[in-house]
N, C-alpha and C. Protein backbone atom coordinates (compact mmCIF):
# COMPACT_ATOMS: atom_id res chain seq x y z
N UNK A 1 13.83 21.08 -10.72
CA UNK A 1 13.75 20.24 -11.90
C UNK A 1 13.20 18.76 -11.51
N UNK A 2 13.69 18.26 -10.44
CA UNK A 2 13.30 16.93 -9.99
C UNK A 2 11.85 16.93 -9.53
N UNK A 3 11.44 17.98 -8.87
CA UNK A 3 10.04 18.04 -8.42
C UNK A 3 9.08 18.04 -9.62
N UNK A 4 9.42 18.78 -10.62
CA UNK A 4 8.56 18.79 -11.84
C UNK A 4 8.50 17.40 -12.47
N UNK A 5 9.60 16.76 -12.56
CA UNK A 5 9.65 15.36 -13.09
C UNK A 5 8.79 14.46 -12.25
N UNK A 6 8.88 14.57 -10.94
CA UNK A 6 8.06 13.73 -10.01
C UNK A 6 6.61 13.99 -10.19
N UNK A 7 6.25 15.28 -10.39
CA UNK A 7 4.82 15.59 -10.60
C UNK A 7 4.34 15.02 -11.90
N UNK A 8 5.13 15.14 -12.99
CA UNK A 8 4.75 14.55 -14.25
C UNK A 8 4.64 13.08 -14.13
N UNK A 9 5.59 12.39 -13.44
CA UNK A 9 5.55 10.95 -13.30
C UNK A 9 4.26 10.54 -12.54
N UNK A 10 3.90 11.31 -11.54
CA UNK A 10 2.68 11.00 -10.76
C UNK A 10 1.42 11.15 -11.70
N UNK A 11 1.38 12.19 -12.48
CA UNK A 11 0.25 12.38 -13.41
C UNK A 11 0.20 11.21 -14.41
N UNK A 12 1.37 10.83 -14.94
CA UNK A 12 1.45 9.74 -15.88
C UNK A 12 1.04 8.41 -15.24
N UNK A 13 1.42 8.21 -14.00
CA UNK A 13 1.08 7.01 -13.28
C UNK A 13 -0.44 6.91 -13.11
N UNK A 14 -1.08 7.99 -12.79
CA UNK A 14 -2.53 8.05 -12.68
C UNK A 14 -3.20 7.70 -14.00
N UNK A 15 -2.66 8.33 -15.05
CA UNK A 15 -3.22 8.08 -16.41
C UNK A 15 -3.07 6.64 -16.75
N UNK A 16 -1.92 6.03 -16.44
CA UNK A 16 -1.68 4.65 -16.82
C UNK A 16 -2.58 3.70 -16.00
N UNK A 17 -2.78 4.02 -14.70
CA UNK A 17 -3.63 3.27 -13.87
C UNK A 17 -5.04 3.28 -14.46
N UNK A 18 -5.56 4.42 -14.79
CA UNK A 18 -6.89 4.52 -15.33
C UNK A 18 -6.95 3.74 -16.63
N UNK A 19 -5.90 3.82 -17.46
CA UNK A 19 -5.90 3.15 -18.74
C UNK A 19 -5.95 1.64 -18.52
N UNK A 20 -5.15 1.07 -17.62
CA UNK A 20 -5.11 -0.36 -17.50
C UNK A 20 -6.41 -0.91 -16.95
N UNK A 21 -7.06 -0.10 -16.10
CA UNK A 21 -8.35 -0.56 -15.53
C UNK A 21 -9.38 -0.71 -16.60
N UNK A 22 -9.25 -0.02 -17.71
CA UNK A 22 -10.20 -0.10 -18.85
C UNK A 22 -9.82 -1.29 -19.74
N UNK A 23 -8.61 -1.79 -19.61
CA UNK A 23 -8.10 -2.83 -20.56
C UNK A 23 -7.94 -4.17 -19.86
N UNK A 24 -7.60 -4.22 -18.58
CA UNK A 24 -7.39 -5.48 -17.92
C UNK A 24 -8.65 -5.93 -17.25
N UNK A 25 -9.09 -7.15 -17.55
CA UNK A 25 -10.33 -7.68 -17.03
C UNK A 25 -10.11 -8.97 -16.21
N UNK A 26 -10.96 -9.15 -15.24
CA UNK A 26 -10.90 -10.34 -14.42
C UNK A 26 -12.30 -11.02 -14.54
N UNK A 27 -12.33 -12.21 -15.03
CA UNK A 27 -13.54 -12.98 -15.17
C UNK A 27 -13.32 -14.35 -14.60
N UNK A 28 -14.11 -14.76 -13.66
CA UNK A 28 -13.92 -16.04 -12.95
C UNK A 28 -13.89 -17.25 -13.87
N UNK A 29 -14.64 -17.29 -14.99
CA UNK A 29 -14.68 -18.45 -15.85
C UNK A 29 -13.62 -18.39 -16.97
N UNK A 30 -12.81 -17.38 -17.02
CA UNK A 30 -11.86 -17.23 -18.14
C UNK A 30 -10.47 -17.29 -17.54
N UNK A 31 -9.65 -18.21 -18.04
CA UNK A 31 -8.27 -18.44 -17.66
C UNK A 31 -8.16 -18.50 -16.11
N UNK A 32 -9.07 -19.18 -15.49
CA UNK A 32 -9.09 -19.36 -14.05
C UNK A 32 -9.16 -18.04 -13.25
N UNK A 33 -9.73 -17.02 -13.89
CA UNK A 33 -9.90 -15.77 -13.16
C UNK A 33 -8.62 -14.89 -13.20
N UNK A 34 -7.64 -15.28 -13.96
CA UNK A 34 -6.43 -14.50 -14.07
C UNK A 34 -6.73 -13.18 -14.84
N UNK A 35 -5.97 -12.14 -14.57
CA UNK A 35 -6.18 -10.83 -15.29
C UNK A 35 -5.85 -11.03 -16.81
N UNK A 36 -6.86 -10.73 -17.62
CA UNK A 36 -6.75 -10.85 -19.07
C UNK A 36 -6.80 -9.50 -19.75
N UNK A 37 -6.48 -9.48 -20.99
CA UNK A 37 -6.46 -8.22 -21.77
C UNK A 37 -7.80 -8.11 -22.52
N UNK A 38 -8.52 -7.07 -22.22
CA UNK A 38 -9.76 -6.75 -22.91
C UNK A 38 -10.73 -7.92 -23.08
N UNK A 39 -10.79 -8.76 -22.13
CA UNK A 39 -11.71 -9.92 -22.17
C UNK A 39 -11.29 -11.07 -23.05
N UNK A 40 -10.08 -10.93 -23.63
CA UNK A 40 -9.57 -12.00 -24.46
C UNK A 40 -8.92 -13.06 -23.56
N UNK A 41 -8.41 -14.12 -24.13
CA UNK A 41 -7.84 -15.24 -23.38
C UNK A 41 -6.37 -15.07 -23.15
N UNK A 42 -5.80 -13.95 -23.52
CA UNK A 42 -4.36 -13.76 -23.25
C UNK A 42 -4.23 -13.00 -21.89
N UNK A 43 -3.38 -13.54 -21.05
CA UNK A 43 -3.29 -12.93 -19.72
C UNK A 43 -2.15 -11.92 -19.60
N UNK A 44 -2.24 -11.10 -18.55
CA UNK A 44 -1.12 -10.18 -18.20
C UNK A 44 0.15 -10.98 -18.06
N UNK A 45 0.07 -12.08 -17.37
CA UNK A 45 1.22 -12.96 -17.17
C UNK A 45 1.83 -13.38 -18.45
N UNK A 46 0.99 -13.77 -19.47
CA UNK A 46 1.56 -14.16 -20.76
C UNK A 46 2.42 -13.05 -21.38
N UNK A 47 1.84 -11.83 -21.36
CA UNK A 47 2.55 -10.74 -21.98
C UNK A 47 3.89 -10.38 -21.17
N UNK A 48 3.78 -10.39 -19.86
CA UNK A 48 4.98 -10.15 -19.05
C UNK A 48 6.01 -11.19 -19.30
N UNK A 49 5.57 -12.42 -19.49
CA UNK A 49 6.57 -13.52 -19.74
C UNK A 49 7.25 -13.34 -21.03
N UNK A 50 6.49 -12.93 -22.03
CA UNK A 50 7.10 -12.68 -23.36
C UNK A 50 8.17 -11.56 -23.24
N UNK A 51 7.79 -10.48 -22.55
CA UNK A 51 8.74 -9.36 -22.36
C UNK A 51 9.99 -9.85 -21.56
N UNK A 52 9.77 -10.66 -20.52
CA UNK A 52 10.88 -11.13 -19.68
C UNK A 52 11.81 -12.09 -20.46
N UNK A 53 11.23 -12.73 -21.46
CA UNK A 53 12.04 -13.68 -22.27
C UNK A 53 12.85 -12.93 -23.30
N UNK A 54 12.65 -11.69 -23.43
CA UNK A 54 13.42 -10.82 -24.38
C UNK A 54 12.66 -10.40 -25.58
N UNK A 55 11.45 -10.75 -25.73
CA UNK A 55 10.71 -10.28 -26.93
C UNK A 55 10.49 -8.79 -26.78
N UNK A 56 10.52 -8.17 -27.97
CA UNK A 56 10.24 -6.74 -28.07
C UNK A 56 8.75 -6.51 -28.21
N UNK A 57 8.34 -5.22 -27.99
CA UNK A 57 6.94 -4.88 -28.20
C UNK A 57 6.57 -5.27 -29.64
N UNK A 58 7.39 -4.94 -30.61
CA UNK A 58 7.10 -5.22 -31.99
C UNK A 58 6.92 -6.74 -32.27
N UNK A 59 7.73 -7.54 -31.64
CA UNK A 59 7.64 -9.01 -31.84
C UNK A 59 6.35 -9.49 -31.25
N UNK A 60 5.97 -9.03 -30.06
CA UNK A 60 4.68 -9.49 -29.45
C UNK A 60 3.53 -9.04 -30.32
N UNK A 61 3.52 -7.82 -30.77
CA UNK A 61 2.49 -7.30 -31.61
C UNK A 61 2.35 -8.04 -33.00
N UNK A 62 3.50 -8.48 -33.46
CA UNK A 62 3.49 -9.23 -34.72
C UNK A 62 2.92 -10.64 -34.48
N UNK A 63 3.33 -11.27 -33.36
CA UNK A 63 2.76 -12.60 -33.09
C UNK A 63 1.31 -12.58 -32.65
N UNK A 64 0.88 -11.46 -32.08
CA UNK A 64 -0.53 -11.35 -31.54
C UNK A 64 -1.15 -10.03 -32.13
N UNK A 65 -1.56 -10.06 -33.41
CA UNK A 65 -2.00 -8.83 -34.06
C UNK A 65 -3.20 -8.20 -33.46
N UNK A 66 -3.96 -8.94 -32.64
CA UNK A 66 -5.11 -8.36 -32.00
C UNK A 66 -4.73 -7.53 -30.73
N UNK A 67 -3.52 -7.59 -30.34
CA UNK A 67 -3.00 -6.75 -29.26
C UNK A 67 -2.52 -5.38 -29.76
N UNK A 68 -2.50 -4.38 -28.90
CA UNK A 68 -1.95 -3.08 -29.22
C UNK A 68 -0.87 -2.75 -28.29
N UNK A 69 -0.08 -1.70 -28.62
CA UNK A 69 0.97 -1.30 -27.68
C UNK A 69 0.37 -0.81 -26.39
N UNK A 70 -0.78 -0.26 -26.42
CA UNK A 70 -1.47 0.21 -25.19
C UNK A 70 -1.80 -1.03 -24.31
N UNK A 71 -2.12 -2.12 -24.90
CA UNK A 71 -2.36 -3.32 -24.14
C UNK A 71 -1.12 -3.76 -23.33
N UNK A 72 0.07 -3.64 -24.01
CA UNK A 72 1.31 -4.02 -23.36
C UNK A 72 1.57 -3.05 -22.24
N UNK A 73 1.36 -1.78 -22.45
CA UNK A 73 1.52 -0.76 -21.39
C UNK A 73 0.59 -1.00 -20.25
N UNK A 74 -0.64 -1.45 -20.55
CA UNK A 74 -1.57 -1.71 -19.51
C UNK A 74 -1.10 -2.88 -18.65
N UNK A 75 -0.53 -3.90 -19.29
CA UNK A 75 0.06 -5.03 -18.54
C UNK A 75 1.14 -4.62 -17.57
N UNK A 76 2.01 -3.78 -18.08
CA UNK A 76 3.13 -3.24 -17.26
C UNK A 76 2.56 -2.36 -16.18
N UNK A 77 1.58 -1.55 -16.42
CA UNK A 77 0.98 -0.69 -15.41
C UNK A 77 0.26 -1.55 -14.34
N UNK A 78 -0.41 -2.58 -14.74
CA UNK A 78 -1.06 -3.51 -13.84
C UNK A 78 -0.04 -4.15 -12.88
N UNK A 79 1.04 -4.61 -13.49
CA UNK A 79 2.05 -5.30 -12.67
C UNK A 79 2.74 -4.30 -11.74
N UNK A 80 3.00 -3.12 -12.20
CA UNK A 80 3.62 -2.11 -11.33
C UNK A 80 2.74 -1.76 -10.11
N UNK A 81 1.44 -1.58 -10.37
CA UNK A 81 0.54 -1.24 -9.25
C UNK A 81 0.38 -2.39 -8.33
N UNK A 82 0.32 -3.60 -8.84
CA UNK A 82 0.20 -4.78 -8.03
C UNK A 82 1.43 -4.92 -7.12
N UNK A 83 2.56 -4.74 -7.70
CA UNK A 83 3.83 -4.82 -6.91
C UNK A 83 3.86 -3.73 -5.83
N UNK A 84 3.39 -2.57 -6.13
CA UNK A 84 3.36 -1.49 -5.16
C UNK A 84 2.43 -1.85 -3.99
N UNK A 85 1.20 -2.42 -4.36
CA UNK A 85 0.31 -2.83 -3.30
C UNK A 85 0.88 -3.91 -2.41
N UNK A 86 1.62 -4.88 -2.96
CA UNK A 86 2.23 -5.92 -2.19
C UNK A 86 3.21 -5.32 -1.24
N UNK A 87 4.03 -4.38 -1.72
CA UNK A 87 5.06 -3.76 -0.84
C UNK A 87 4.42 -2.95 0.24
N UNK A 88 3.31 -2.26 -0.05
CA UNK A 88 2.61 -1.47 0.99
C UNK A 88 1.99 -2.40 2.01
N UNK A 89 1.45 -3.47 1.59
CA UNK A 89 0.90 -4.47 2.59
C UNK A 89 1.96 -5.03 3.44
N UNK A 90 3.16 -5.27 2.95
CA UNK A 90 4.26 -5.79 3.75
C UNK A 90 4.75 -4.80 4.83
N UNK A 91 4.72 -3.54 4.45
CA UNK A 91 5.19 -2.47 5.35
C UNK A 91 4.15 -2.24 6.46
N UNK A 92 2.88 -2.33 6.18
CA UNK A 92 1.91 -2.06 7.20
C UNK A 92 1.83 -3.12 8.18
């Protein structure tokens, strides 16, 4: 049972990584090159900060109607992969 869950999680991780790469953009002239959502001026950090402060997905989407739930998931996926890369770099 655990192996099947791990395989599903791995497939979902890959799908999420592919999804965030389509949504998270890096442009040198926009927000000092920070990762932004779909070329807009809202950064991954902004969304993560809102979540960390206790805002719900619904509250964020209400305050920023141009965002989608998939944008929020992309921010989380981006942050998760970045954290994983940092940990891997520290181990090597």
